[in-house]
Amino acid sequence: MRDLEISGVSPRLYKVTTTIKNKAASYPQDLVGRDFDKQYINAVWTSDITYMTIGGTFAYLCAVRDEHSRRVLGFSISDRMQTETSIDALQQAVSFRNNKVEGTIFHTIRGSQY
C-alpha cells in the first residue's frame, strides 16, 4: 500500500460499548471449540454486530457467515443495536440455504441481541 501511496481508513477516535458482560450469567456450551471450519457448508455459522459511521451517523451491521464457504449468507443494517437486526440477518441466511439448516451451529458473541 505504501508503494501505491494509499492508506486504510484512519483509526476511530471514538469507542462505542456494544457488549457489557454479566459475570453472573450462564452461557451455552461452546460447540465449536475454535475449530470453525468443519469441512462442509452449514456446519458452523458465525455472526457479529459491528458499528460504523455512514455520512456522520452511526449504523450497526449484523452479518451471518458460513465458516466453510466463508460466504456472507445474510446481513442487516440498523440505526440501533437491537435483537431484530440479528433476527433479520439470521432469517436471510436460513432463507439463502433454502431452510435446510438442521444441525447448523450458530456461533456468536455473548451479546444480548442473540
PDB file of N, CA and C in Angstrom:
ATOM      1  N   MET A   1       0.831  -1.190   0.000  1.00  0.00           N
ATOM      2  CA  MET A   1       0.000   0.000   0.000  1.00  0.00           C
ATOM      3  C   MET A   1       0.875   1.253   0.000  1.00  0.00           C
ATOM      4  N   ARG A   2       1.989   1.183   0.726  1.00  0.00           N
ATOM      5  CA  ARG A   2       2.883   2.346   0.783  1.00  0.00           C
ATOM      6  C   ARG A   2       3.409   2.667  -0.607  1.00  0.00           C
ATOM      7  N   ASP A   3       3.793   1.631  -1.365  1.00  0.00           N
ATOM      8  CA  ASP A   3       4.318   1.853  -2.707  1.00  0.00           C
ATOM      9  C   ASP A   3       3.284   2.511  -3.619  1.00  0.00           C
ATOM     10  N   LEU A   4       2.010   2.198  -3.383  1.00  0.00           N
ATOM     11  CA  LEU A   4       0.936   2.769  -4.194  1.00  0.00           C
ATOM     12  C   LEU A   4       0.420   4.088  -3.630  1.00  0.00           C
ATOM     13  N   GLU A   5       1.001   4.496  -2.498  1.00  0.00           N
ATOM     14  CA  GLU A   5       0.615   5.737  -1.815  1.00  0.00           C
ATOM     15  C   GLU A   5      -0.863   5.765  -1.447  1.00  0.00           C
ATOM     16  N   ILE A   6      -1.339   4.619  -0.933  1.00  0.00           N
ATOM     17  CA  ILE A   6      -2.706   4.555  -0.429  1.00  0.00           C
ATOM     18  C   ILE A   6      -2.652   4.113   1.031  1.00  0.00           C
ATOM     19  N   SER A   7      -3.696   4.417   1.767  1.00  0.00           N
ATOM     20  CA  SER A   7      -3.731   4.029   3.179  1.00  0.00           C
ATOM     21  C   SER A   7      -5.142   3.603   3.545  1.00  0.00           C
ATOM     22  N   GLY A   8      -5.228   2.869   4.629  1.00  0.00           N
ATOM     23  CA  GLY A   8      -6.519   2.417   5.132  1.00  0.00           C
ATOM     24  C   GLY A   8      -7.266   3.549   5.819  1.00  0.00           C
ATOM     25  N   VAL A   9      -8.444   3.232   6.264  1.00  0.00           N
ATOM     26  CA  VAL A   9      -9.254   4.209   6.985  1.00  0.00           C
ATOM     27  C   VAL A   9      -8.536   4.567   8.275  1.00  0.00           C
ATOM     28  N   SER A  10      -8.559   5.831   8.629  1.00  0.00           N
ATOM     29  CA  SER A  10      -7.874   6.260   9.845  1.00  0.00           C
ATOM     30  C   SER A  10      -8.531   5.652  11.080  1.00  0.00           C
ATOM     31  N   PRO A  11      -7.768   5.494  12.145  1.00  0.00           N
ATOM     32  CA  PRO A  11      -8.324   4.884  13.362  1.00  0.00           C
ATOM     33  C   PRO A  11      -9.510   5.667  13.897  1.00  0.00           C
ATOM     34  N   ARG A  12     -10.397   4.951  14.544  1.00  0.00           N
ATOM     35  CA  ARG A  12     -11.567   5.599  15.128  1.00  0.00           C
ATOM     36  C   ARG A  12     -11.132   6.462  16.303  1.00  0.00           C
ATOM     37  N   LEU A  13     -11.711   7.602  16.409  1.00  0.00           N
ATOM     38  CA  LEU A  13     -11.428   8.498  17.519  1.00  0.00           C
ATOM     39  C   LEU A  13     -12.474   8.354  18.610  1.00  0.00           C
ATOM     40  N   TYR A  14     -13.328   7.361  18.507  1.00  0.00           N
ATOM     41  CA  TYR A  14     -14.404   7.160  19.470  1.00  0.00           C
ATOM     42  C   TYR A  14     -14.480   5.680  19.807  1.00  0.00           C
ATOM     43  N   LYS A  15     -15.141   5.373  20.876  1.00  0.00           N
ATOM     44  CA  LYS A  15     -15.312   3.977  21.295  1.00  0.00           C
ATOM     45  C   LYS A  15     -16.759   3.798  21.708  1.00  0.00           C
ATOM     46  N   VAL A  16     -17.428   2.852  21.076  1.00  0.00           N
ATOM     47  CA  VAL A  16     -18.809   2.535  21.412  1.00  0.00           C
ATOM     48  C   VAL A  16     -18.801   1.203  22.147  1.00  0.00           C
ATOM     49  N   THR A  17     -19.439   1.162  23.312  1.00  0.00           N
ATOM     50  CA  THR A  17     -19.541  -0.084  24.057  1.00  0.00           C
ATOM     51  C   THR A  17     -20.754  -0.840  23.550  1.00  0.00           C
ATOM     52  N   THR A  18     -20.517  -2.023  22.956  1.00  0.00           N
ATOM     53  CA  THR A  18     -21.621  -2.792  22.389  1.00  0.00           C
ATOM     54  C   THR A  18     -22.010  -3.984  23.252  1.00  0.00           C
ATOM     55  N   THR A  19     -21.106  -4.437  24.111  1.00  0.00           N
ATOM     56  CA  THR A  19     -21.406  -5.583  24.963  1.00  0.00           C
ATOM     57  C   THR A  19     -20.937  -5.300  26.381  1.00  0.00           C
ATOM     58  N   ILE A  20     -21.827  -5.467  27.326  1.00  0.00           N
ATOM     59  CA  ILE A  20     -21.486  -5.358  28.736  1.00  0.00           C
ATOM     60  C   ILE A  20     -21.669  -6.736  29.338  1.00  0.00           C
ATOM     61  N   LYS A  21     -20.581  -7.349  29.789  1.00  0.00           N
ATOM     62  CA  LYS A  21     -20.627  -8.718  30.292  1.00  0.00           C
ATOM     63  C   LYS A  21     -21.293  -8.773  31.665  1.00  0.00           C
ATOM     64  N   ASN A  22     -22.135  -9.773  31.833  1.00  0.00           N
ATOM     65  CA  ASN A  22     -22.755 -10.051  33.118  1.00  0.00           C
ATOM     66  C   ASN A  22     -22.029 -11.254  33.704  1.00  0.00           C
ATOM     67  N   LYS A  23     -21.227 -11.026  34.732  1.00  0.00           N
ATOM     68  CA  LYS A  23     -20.408 -12.096  35.304  1.00  0.00           C
ATOM     69  C   LYS A  23     -21.245 -13.185  35.950  1.00  0.00           C
ATOM     70  N   ALA A  24     -22.480 -12.869  36.334  1.00  0.00           N
ATOM     71  CA  ALA A  24     -23.338 -13.854  36.987  1.00  0.00           C
ATOM     72  C   ALA A  24     -24.143 -14.684  35.981  1.00  0.00           C
ATOM     73  N   ALA A  25     -24.109 -14.306  34.722  1.00  0.00           N
ATOM     74  CA  ALA A  25     -24.918 -15.004  33.713  1.00  0.00           C
ATOM     75  C   ALA A  25     -24.313 -16.362  33.368  1.00  0.00           C
ATOM     76  N   SER A  26     -25.169 -17.267  32.924  1.00  0.00           N
ATOM     77  CA  SER A  26     -24.687 -18.556  32.428  1.00  0.00           C
ATOM     78  C   SER A  26     -24.770 -18.533  30.901  1.00  0.00           C
ATOM     79  N   TYR A  27     -23.862 -19.234  30.263  1.00  0.00           N
ATOM     80  CA  TYR A  27     -23.798 -19.212  28.815  1.00  0.00           C
ATOM     81  C   TYR A  27     -23.851 -20.638  28.273  1.00  0.00           C
ATOM     82  N   PRO A  28     -24.339 -20.814  27.048  1.00  0.00           N
ATOM     83  CA  PRO A  28     -24.391 -22.153  26.455  1.00  0.00           C
ATOM     84  C   PRO A  28     -22.989 -22.709  26.237  1.00  0.00           C
ATOM     85  N   GLN A  29     -22.902 -24.012  26.130  1.00  0.00           N
ATOM     86  CA  GLN A  29     -21.636 -24.699  25.879  1.00  0.00           C
ATOM     87  C   GLN A  29     -21.082 -24.282  24.522  1.00  0.00           C
ATOM     88  N   ASP A  30     -19.763 -24.150  24.426  1.00  0.00           N
ATOM     89  CA  ASP A  30     -19.101 -23.829  23.172  1.00  0.00           C
ATOM     90  C   ASP A  30     -19.004 -25.104  22.334  1.00  0.00           C
ATOM     91  N   LEU A  31     -19.804 -25.201  21.285  1.00  0.00           N
ATOM     92  CA  LEU A  31     -19.835 -26.389  20.434  1.00  0.00           C
ATOM     93  C   LEU A  31     -18.779 -26.362  19.334  1.00  0.00           C
ATOM     94  N   VAL A  32     -18.098 -25.224  19.185  1.00  0.00           N
ATOM     95  CA  VAL A  32     -17.136 -25.061  18.101  1.00  0.00           C
ATOM     96  C   VAL A  32     -15.715 -25.382  18.549  1.00  0.00           C
ATOM     97  N   GLY A  33     -15.361 -24.971  19.753  1.00  0.00           N
ATOM     98  CA  GLY A  33     -14.014 -25.239  20.259  1.00  0.00           C
ATOM     99  C   GLY A  33     -12.915 -24.656  19.404  1.00  0.00           C
ATOM    100  N   ARG A  34     -13.128 -23.481  18.837  1.00  0.00           N
ATOM    101  CA  ARG A  34     -12.169 -22.766  17.979  1.00  0.00           C
ATOM    102  C   ARG A  34     -11.898 -23.476  16.655  1.00  0.00           C
ATOM    103  N   ASP A  35     -12.628 -24.541  16.334  1.00  0.00           N
ATOM    104  CA  ASP A  35     -12.495 -25.244  15.056  1.00  0.00           C
ATOM    105  C   ASP A  35     -13.694 -24.851  14.204  1.00  0.00           C
ATOM    106  N   PHE A  36     -13.589 -23.712  13.535  1.00  0.00           N
ATOM    107  CA  PHE A  36     -14.736 -23.136  12.845  1.00  0.00           C
ATOM    108  C   PHE A  36     -15.044 -23.805  11.508  1.00  0.00           C
ATOM    109  N   ASP A  37     -14.047 -24.316  10.816  1.00  0.00           N
ATOM    110  CA  ASP A  37     -14.283 -24.938   9.508  1.00  0.00           C
ATOM    111  C   ASP A  37     -14.356 -26.452   9.677  1.00  0.00           C
ATOM    112  N   LYS A  38     -15.561 -26.984   9.632  1.00  0.00           N
ATOM    113  CA  LYS A  38     -15.779 -28.427   9.785  1.00  0.00           C
ATOM    114  C   LYS A  38     -15.745 -29.146   8.433  1.00  0.00           C
ATOM    115  N   GLN A  39     -15.327 -28.452   7.373  1.00  0.00           N
ATOM    116  CA  GLN A  39     -15.118 -29.005   6.033  1.00  0.00           C
ATOM    117  C   GLN A  39     -16.390 -29.245   5.223  1.00  0.00           C
ATOM    118  N   TYR A  40     -17.501 -28.668   5.632  1.00  0.00           N
ATOM    119  CA  TYR A  40     -18.707 -28.719   4.803  1.00  0.00           C
ATOM    120  C   TYR A  40     -19.592 -27.520   5.141  1.00  0.00           C
ATOM    121  N   ILE A  41     -20.406 -27.113   4.164  1.00  0.00           N
ATOM    122  CA  ILE A  41     -21.256 -25.942   4.378  1.00  0.00           C
ATOM    123  C   ILE A  41     -22.332 -26.246   5.416  1.00  0.00           C
ATOM    124  N   ASN A  42     -22.815 -25.193   6.024  1.00  0.00           N
ATOM    125  CA  ASN A  42     -23.875 -25.238   7.044  1.00  0.00           C
ATOM    126  C   ASN A  42     -23.477 -25.980   8.313  1.00  0.00           C
ATOM    127  N   ALA A  43     -22.199 -26.220   8.518  1.00  0.00           N
ATOM    128  CA  ALA A  43     -21.759 -26.847   9.769  1.00  0.00           C
ATOM    129  C   ALA A  43     -21.687 -25.787  10.865  1.00  0.00           C
ATOM    130  N   VAL A  44     -20.999 -24.685  10.575  1.00  0.00           N
ATOM    131  CA  VAL A  44     -20.839 -23.604  11.549  1.00  0.00           C
ATOM    132  C   VAL A  44     -21.102 -22.271  10.856  1.00  0.00           C
ATOM    133  N   TRP A  45     -22.024 -21.519  11.419  1.00  0.00           N
ATOM    134  CA  TRP A  45     -22.249 -20.142  11.016  1.00  0.00           C
ATOM    135  C   TRP A  45     -21.796 -19.258  12.161  1.00  0.00           C
ATOM    136  N   THR A  46     -21.212 -18.125  11.826  1.00  0.00           N
ATOM    137  CA  THR A  46     -20.842 -17.149  12.842  1.00  0.00           C
ATOM    138  C   THR A  46     -21.553 -15.842  12.561  1.00  0.00           C
ATOM    139  N   SER A  47     -21.661 -15.047  13.604  1.00  0.00           N
ATOM    140  CA  SER A  47     -22.323 -13.756  13.450  1.00  0.00           C
ATOM    141  C   SER A  47     -21.746 -12.773  14.452  1.00  0.00           C
ATOM    142  N   ASP A  48     -21.781 -11.516  14.078  1.00  0.00           N
ATOM    143  CA  ASP A  48     -21.335 -10.451  14.962  1.00  0.00           C
ATOM    144  C   ASP A  48     -22.030  -9.164  14.544  1.00  0.00           C
ATOM    145  N   ILE A  49     -22.010  -8.222  15.447  1.00  0.00           N
ATOM    146  CA  ILE A  49     -22.542  -6.881  15.168  1.00  0.00           C
ATOM    147  C   ILE A  49     -21.380  -5.913  15.278  1.00  0.00           C
ATOM    148  N   THR A  50     -21.265  -5.034  14.312  1.00  0.00           N
ATOM    149  CA  THR A  50     -20.246  -4.004  14.359  1.00  0.00           C
ATOM    150  C   THR A  50     -20.905  -2.659  14.089  1.00  0.00           C
ATOM    151  N   TYR A  51     -20.231  -1.608  14.458  1.00  0.00           N
ATOM    152  CA  TYR A  51     -20.770  -0.281  14.218  1.00  0.00           C
ATOM    153  C   TYR A  51     -19.869   0.462  13.250  1.00  0.00           C
ATOM    154  N   MET A  52     -20.455   1.415  12.559  1.00  0.00           N
ATOM    155  CA  MET A  52     -19.706   2.203  11.593  1.00  0.00           C
ATOM    156  C   MET A  52     -20.387   3.552  11.444  1.00  0.00           C
ATOM    157  N   THR A  53     -19.692   4.480  10.874  1.00  0.00           N
ATOM    158  CA  THR A  53     -20.311   5.760  10.582  1.00  0.00           C
ATOM    159  C   THR A  53     -20.645   5.794   9.096  1.00  0.00           C
ATOM    160  N   ILE A  54     -21.830   6.257   8.830  1.00  0.00           N
ATOM    161  CA  ILE A  54     -22.281   6.424   7.450  1.00  0.00           C
ATOM    162  C   ILE A  54     -22.784   7.856   7.349  1.00  0.00           C
ATOM    163  N   GLY A  55     -22.083   8.654   6.604  1.00  0.00           N
ATOM    164  CA  GLY A  55     -22.474  10.052   6.490  1.00  0.00           C
ATOM    165  C   GLY A  55     -22.232  10.849   7.736  1.00  0.00           C
ATOM    166  N   GLY A  56     -22.128  10.501   8.841  1.00  0.00           N
ATOM    167  CA  GLY A  56     -21.959  11.281  10.059  1.00  0.00           C
ATOM    168  C   GLY A  56     -22.844  10.718  11.153  1.00  0.00           C
ATOM    169  N   THR A  57     -23.555   9.648  10.852  1.00  0.00           N
ATOM    170  CA  THR A  57     -24.392   8.995  11.861  1.00  0.00           C
ATOM    171  C   THR A  57     -23.888   7.559  12.057  1.00  0.00           C
ATOM    172  N   PHE A  58     -24.202   6.998  13.198  1.00  0.00           N
ATOM    173  CA  PHE A  58     -23.832   5.616  13.486  1.00  0.00           C
ATOM    174  C   PHE A  58     -24.816   4.655  12.848  1.00  0.00           C
ATOM    175  N   ALA A  59     -24.308   3.525  12.422  1.00  0.00           N
ATOM    176  CA  ALA A  59     -25.148   2.431  11.952  1.00  0.00           C
ATOM    177  C   ALA A  59     -24.552   1.134  12.488  1.00  0.00           C
ATOM    178  N   TYR A  60     -25.407   0.162  12.719  1.00  0.00           N
ATOM    179  CA  TYR A  60     -24.980  -1.139  13.216  1.00  0.00           C
ATOM    180  C   TYR A  60     -25.222  -2.181  12.134  1.00  0.00           C
ATOM    181  N   LEU A  61     -24.214  -2.985  11.870  1.00  0.00           N
ATOM    182  CA  LEU A  61     -24.276  -4.029  10.853  1.00  0.00           C
ATOM    183  C   LEU A  61     -24.168  -5.383  11.530  1.00  0.00           C
ATOM    184  N   CYS A  62     -25.117  -6.249  11.255  1.00  0.00           N
ATOM    185  CA  CYS A  62     -25.070  -7.630  11.716  1.00  0.00           C
ATOM    186  C   CYS A  62     -24.947  -8.511  10.477  1.00  0.00           C
ATOM    187  N   ALA A  63     -23.975  -9.409  10.491  1.00  0.00           N
ATOM    188  CA  ALA A  63     -23.780 -10.321   9.362  1.00  0.00           C
ATOM    189  C   ALA A  63     -23.693 -11.756   9.862  1.00  0.00           C
ATOM    190  N   VAL A  64     -24.179 -12.687   9.041  1.00  0.00           N
ATOM    191  CA  VAL A  64     -24.101 -14.119   9.324  1.00  0.00           C
ATOM    192  C   VAL A  64     -23.265 -14.739   8.213  1.00  0.00           C
ATOM    193  N   ARG A  65     -22.243 -15.518   8.604  1.00  0.00           N
ATOM    194  CA  ARG A  65     -21.307 -16.078   7.638  1.00  0.00           C
ATOM    195  C   ARG A  65     -21.161 -17.579   7.839  1.00  0.00           C
ATOM    196  N   ASP A  66     -21.122 -18.314   6.729  1.00  0.00           N
ATOM    197  CA  ASP A  66     -20.819 -19.737   6.760  1.00  0.00           C
ATOM    198  C   ASP A  66     -19.297 -19.868   6.825  1.00  0.00           C
ATOM    199  N   GLU A  67     -18.806 -20.541   7.844  1.00  0.00           N
ATOM    200  CA  GLU A  67     -17.361 -20.593   8.063  1.00  0.00           C
ATOM    201  C   GLU A  67     -16.628 -21.528   7.112  1.00  0.00           C
ATOM    202  N   HIS A  68     -17.311 -22.445   6.461  1.00  0.00           N
ATOM    203  CA  HIS A  68     -16.623 -23.283   5.471  1.00  0.00           C
ATOM    204  C   HIS A  68     -16.506 -22.553   4.139  1.00  0.00           C
ATOM    205  N   SER A  69     -17.614 -22.054   3.623  1.00  0.00           N
ATOM    206  CA  SER A  69     -17.577 -21.368   2.330  1.00  0.00           C
ATOM    207  C   SER A  69     -17.071 -19.935   2.470  1.00  0.00           C
ATOM    208  N   ARG A  70     -17.075 -19.415   3.704  1.00  0.00           N
ATOM    209  CA  ARG A  70     -16.691 -18.033   4.006  1.00  0.00           C
ATOM    210  C   ARG A  70     -17.611 -17.020   3.342  1.00  0.00           C
ATOM    211  N   ARG A  71     -18.782 -17.446   3.038  1.00  0.00           N
ATOM    212  CA  ARG A  71     -19.759 -16.590   2.370  1.00  0.00           C
ATOM    213  C   ARG A  71     -20.680 -15.933   3.380  1.00  0.00           C
ATOM    214  N   VAL A  72     -20.956 -14.645   3.189  1.00  0.00           N
ATOM    215  CA  VAL A  72     -21.955 -13.964   3.998  1.00  0.00           C
ATOM    216  C   VAL A  72     -23.313 -14.395   3.474  1.00  0.00           C
ATOM    217  N   LEU A  73     -24.111 -14.987   4.348  1.00  0.00           N
ATOM    218  CA  LEU A  73     -25.410 -15.533   3.959  1.00  0.00           C
ATOM    219  C   LEU A  73     -26.557 -14.573   4.219  1.00  0.00           C
ATOM    220  N   GLY A  74     -26.360 -13.650   5.143  1.00  0.00           N
ATOM    221  CA  GLY A  74     -27.390 -12.677   5.461  1.00  0.00           C
ATOM    222  C   GLY A  74     -26.792 -11.519   6.223  1.00  0.00           C
ATOM    223  N   PHE A  75     -27.404 -10.343   6.075  1.00  0.00           N
ATOM    224  CA  PHE A  75     -26.943  -9.187   6.836  1.00  0.00           C
ATOM    225  C   PHE A  75     -28.093  -8.218   7.036  1.00  0.00           C
ATOM    226  N   SER A  76     -27.940  -7.354   8.016  1.00  0.00           N
ATOM    227  CA  SER A  76     -28.947  -6.346   8.309  1.00  0.00           C
ATOM    228  C   SER A  76     -28.249  -5.118   8.873  1.00  0.00           C
ATOM    229  N   ILE A  77     -28.747  -3.954   8.525  1.00  0.00           N
ATOM    230  CA  ILE A  77     -28.194  -2.682   8.996  1.00  0.00           C
ATOM    231  C   ILE A  77     -29.308  -1.914   9.685  1.00  0.00           C
ATOM    232  N   SER A  78     -28.971  -1.298  10.822  1.00  0.00           N
ATOM    233  CA  SER A  78     -29.963  -0.539  11.577  1.00  0.00           C
ATOM    234  C   SER A  78     -29.295   0.650  12.253  1.00  0.00           C
ATOM    235  N   ASP A  79     -30.093   1.631  12.602  1.00  0.00           N
ATOM    236  CA  ASP A  79     -29.546   2.769  13.333  1.00  0.00           C
ATOM    237  C   ASP A  79     -29.501   2.506  14.836  1.00  0.00           C
ATOM    238  N   ARG A  80     -30.023   1.365  15.268  1.00  0.00           N
ATOM    239  CA  ARG A  80     -29.982   0.961  16.681  1.00  0.00           C
ATOM    240  C   ARG A  80     -29.525  -0.489  16.763  1.00  0.00           C
ATOM    241  N   MET A  81     -28.798  -0.807  17.820  1.00  0.00           N
ATOM    242  CA  MET A  81     -28.379  -2.185  18.023  1.00  0.00           C
ATOM    243  C   MET A  81     -29.510  -2.896  18.762  1.00  0.00           C
ATOM    244  N   GLN A  82     -30.189  -3.775  18.050  1.00  0.00           N
ATOM    245  CA  GLN A  82     -31.373  -4.405  18.617  1.00  0.00           C
ATOM    246  C   GLN A  82     -31.498  -5.846  18.139  1.00  0.00           C
ATOM    247  N   THR A  83     -32.301  -6.611  18.841  1.00  0.00           N
ATOM    248  CA  THR A  83     -32.494  -8.028  18.524  1.00  0.00           C
ATOM    249  C   THR A  83     -33.005  -8.216  17.105  1.00  0.00           C
ATOM    250  N   GLU A  84     -33.907  -7.363  16.650  1.00  0.00           N
ATOM    251  CA  GLU A  84     -34.493  -7.509  15.317  1.00  0.00           C
ATOM    252  C   GLU A  84     -33.438  -7.480  14.216  1.00  0.00           C
ATOM    253  N   THR A  85     -32.374  -6.710  14.419  1.00  0.00           N
ATOM    254  CA  THR A  85     -31.302  -6.650  13.426  1.00  0.00           C
ATOM    255  C   THR A  85     -30.643  -8.017  13.279  1.00  0.00           C
ATOM    256  N   SER A  86     -30.392  -8.688  14.399  1.00  0.00           N
ATOM    257  CA  SER A  86     -29.798 -10.029  14.372  1.00  0.00           C
ATOM    258  C   SER A  86     -30.757 -11.040  13.760  1.00  0.00           C
ATOM    259  N   ILE A  87     -32.021 -10.954  14.126  1.00  0.00           N
ATOM    260  CA  ILE A  87     -33.027 -11.885  13.603  1.00  0.00           C
ATOM    261  C   ILE A  87     -33.159 -11.738  12.095  1.00  0.00           C
ATOM    262  N   ASP A  88     -33.181 -10.510  11.597  1.00  0.00           N
ATOM    263  CA  ASP A  88     -33.289 -10.286  10.150  1.00  0.00           C
ATOM    264  C   ASP A  88     -32.125 -10.938   9.407  1.00  0.00           C
ATOM    265  N   ALA A  89     -30.907 -10.758   9.909  1.00  0.00           N
ATOM    266  CA  ALA A  89     -29.734 -11.344   9.259  1.00  0.00           C
ATOM    267  C   ALA A  89     -29.801 -12.868   9.289  1.00  0.00           C
ATOM    268  N   LEU A  90     -30.218 -13.435  10.420  1.00  0.00           N
ATOM    269  CA  LEU A  90     -30.317 -14.894  10.533  1.00  0.00           C
ATOM    270  C   LEU A  90     -31.415 -15.447   9.625  1.00  0.00           C
ATOM    271  N   GLN A  91     -32.548 -14.770   9.547  1.00  0.00           N
ATOM    272  CA  GLN A  91     -33.626 -15.228   8.659  1.00  0.00           C
ATOM    273  C   GLN A  91     -33.190 -15.197   7.200  1.00  0.00           C
ATOM    274  N   GLN A  92     -32.425 -14.183   6.811  1.00  0.00           N
ATOM    275  CA  GLN A  92     -31.896 -14.129   5.446  1.00  0.00           C
ATOM    276  C   GLN A  92     -30.990 -15.330   5.174  1.00  0.00           C
ATOM    277  N   ALA A  93     -30.142 -15.655   6.146  1.00  0.00           N
ATOM    278  CA  ALA A  93     -29.208 -16.777   5.984  1.00  0.00           C
ATOM    279  C   ALA A  93     -29.956 -18.096   5.833  1.00  0.00           C
ATOM    280  N   VAL A  94     -30.953 -18.314   6.669  1.00  0.00           N
ATOM    281  CA  VAL A  94     -31.747 -19.547   6.595  1.00  0.00           C
ATOM    282  C   VAL A  94     -32.451 -19.636   5.245  1.00  0.00           C
ATOM    283  N   SER A  95     -33.023 -18.532   4.814  1.00  0.00           N
ATOM    284  CA  SER A  95     -33.700 -18.497   3.518  1.00  0.00           C
ATOM    285  C   SER A  95     -32.706 -18.748   2.370  1.00  0.00           C
ATOM    286  N   PHE A  96     -31.513 -18.172   2.476  1.00  0.00           N
ATOM    287  CA  PHE A  96     -30.492 -18.356   1.443  1.00  0.00           C
ATOM    288  C   PHE A  96     -30.131 -19.825   1.283  1.00  0.00           C
ATOM    289  N   ARG A  97     -30.151 -20.578   2.375  1.00  0.00           N
ATOM    290  CA  ARG A  97     -29.841 -22.011   2.340  1.00  0.00           C
ATOM    291  C   ARG A  97     -31.116 -22.857   2.208  1.00  0.00           C
ATOM    292  N   ASN A  98     -32.194 -22.257   1.704  1.00  0.00           N
ATOM    293  CA  ASN A  98     -33.458 -22.953   1.423  1.00  0.00           C
ATOM    294  C   ASN A  98     -34.026 -23.686   2.641  1.00  0.00           C
ATOM    295  N   ASN A  99     -33.859 -23.097   3.814  1.00  0.00           N
ATOM    296  CA  ASN A  99     -34.390 -23.631   5.075  1.00  0.00           C
ATOM    297  C   ASN A  99     -33.812 -24.993   5.447  1.00  0.00           C
ATOM    298  N   LYS A 100     -32.732 -25.419   4.800  1.00  0.00           N
ATOM    299  CA  LYS A 100     -32.122 -26.725   5.088  1.00  0.00           C
ATOM    300  C   LYS A 100     -30.889 -26.526   5.960  1.00  0.00           C
ATOM    301  N   VAL A 101     -31.135 -26.188   7.227  1.00  0.00           N
ATOM    302  CA  VAL A 101     -30.035 -25.845   8.120  1.00  0.00           C
ATOM    303  C   VAL A 101     -30.067 -26.642   9.430  1.00  0.00           C
ATOM    304  N   GLU A 102     -30.795 -27.734   9.438  1.00  0.00           N
ATOM    305  CA  GLU A 102     -30.862 -28.552  10.653  1.00  0.00           C
ATOM    306  C   GLU A 102     -29.464 -29.017  11.044  1.00  0.00           C
ATOM    307  N   GLY A 103     -29.106 -28.844  12.296  1.00  0.00           N
ATOM    308  CA  GLY A 103     -27.800 -29.242  12.800  1.00  0.00           C
ATOM    309  C   GLY A 103     -26.728 -28.178  12.681  1.00  0.00           C
ATOM    310  N   THR A 104     -27.037 -27.054  12.063  1.00  0.00           N
ATOM    311  CA  THR A 104     -26.062 -25.973  11.937  1.00  0.00           C
ATOM    312  C   THR A 104     -25.780 -25.368  13.305  1.00  0.00           C
ATOM    313  N   ILE A 105     -24.512 -25.176  13.614  1.00  0.00           N
ATOM    314  CA  ILE A 105     -24.114 -24.494  14.849  1.00  0.00           C
ATOM    315  C   ILE A 105     -24.055 -23.005  14.547  1.00  0.00           C
ATOM    316  N   PHE A 106     -24.768 -22.215  15.339  1.00  0.00           N
ATOM    317  CA  PHE A 106     -24.785 -20.759  15.180  1.00  0.00           C
ATOM    318  C   PHE A 106     -23.954 -20.178  16.313  1.00  0.00           C
ATOM    319  N   HIS A 107     -22.741 -19.733  15.994  1.00  0.00           N
ATOM    320  CA  HIS A 107     -21.769 -19.268  16.991  1.00  0.00           C
ATOM    321  C   HIS A 107     -21.719 -17.743  16.960  1.00  0.00           C
ATOM    322  N   THR A 108     -21.932 -17.122  18.116  1.00  0.00           N
ATOM    323  CA  THR A 108     -21.947 -15.657  18.181  1.00  0.00           C
ATOM    324  C   THR A 108     -21.192 -15.187  19.417  1.00  0.00           C
ATOM    325  N   ILE A 109     -21.099 -13.880  19.509  1.00  0.00           N
ATOM    326  CA  ILE A 109     -20.622 -13.279  20.741  1.00  0.00           C
ATOM    327  C   ILE A 109     -21.711 -13.441  21.793  1.00  0.00           C
ATOM    328  N   ARG A 110     -21.465 -12.996  22.990  1.00  0.00           N
ATOM    329  CA  ARG A 110     -22.434 -13.163  24.070  1.00  0.00           C
ATOM    330  C   ARG A 110     -23.356 -11.956  24.216  1.00  0.00           C
ATOM    331  N   GLY A 111     -23.558 -11.215  23.164  1.00  0.00           N
ATOM    332  CA  GLY A 111     -24.405 -10.037  23.233  1.00  0.00           C
ATOM    333  C   GLY A 111     -25.869 -10.405  23.456  1.00  0.00           C
ATOM    334  N   SER A 112     -26.585  -9.531  24.090  1.00  0.00           N
ATOM    335  CA  SER A 112     -27.997  -9.780  24.405  1.00  0.00           C
ATOM    336  C   SER A 112     -28.870  -9.827  23.156  1.00  0.00           C
ATOM    337  N   GLN A 113     -28.384  -9.292  22.041  1.00  0.00           N
ATOM    338  CA  GLN A 113     -29.167  -9.283  20.809  1.00  0.00           C
ATOM    339  C   GLN A 113     -29.359 -10.700  20.274  1.00  0.00           C
ATOM    340  N   TYR A 114     -28.510 -11.624  20.677  1.00  0.00           N
ATOM    341  CA  TYR A 114     -28.611 -13.001  20.204  1.00  0.00           C
ATOM    342  C   TYR A 114     -29.385 -13.835  21.197  1.00  0.00           C
TER     343      TYR A 114
END
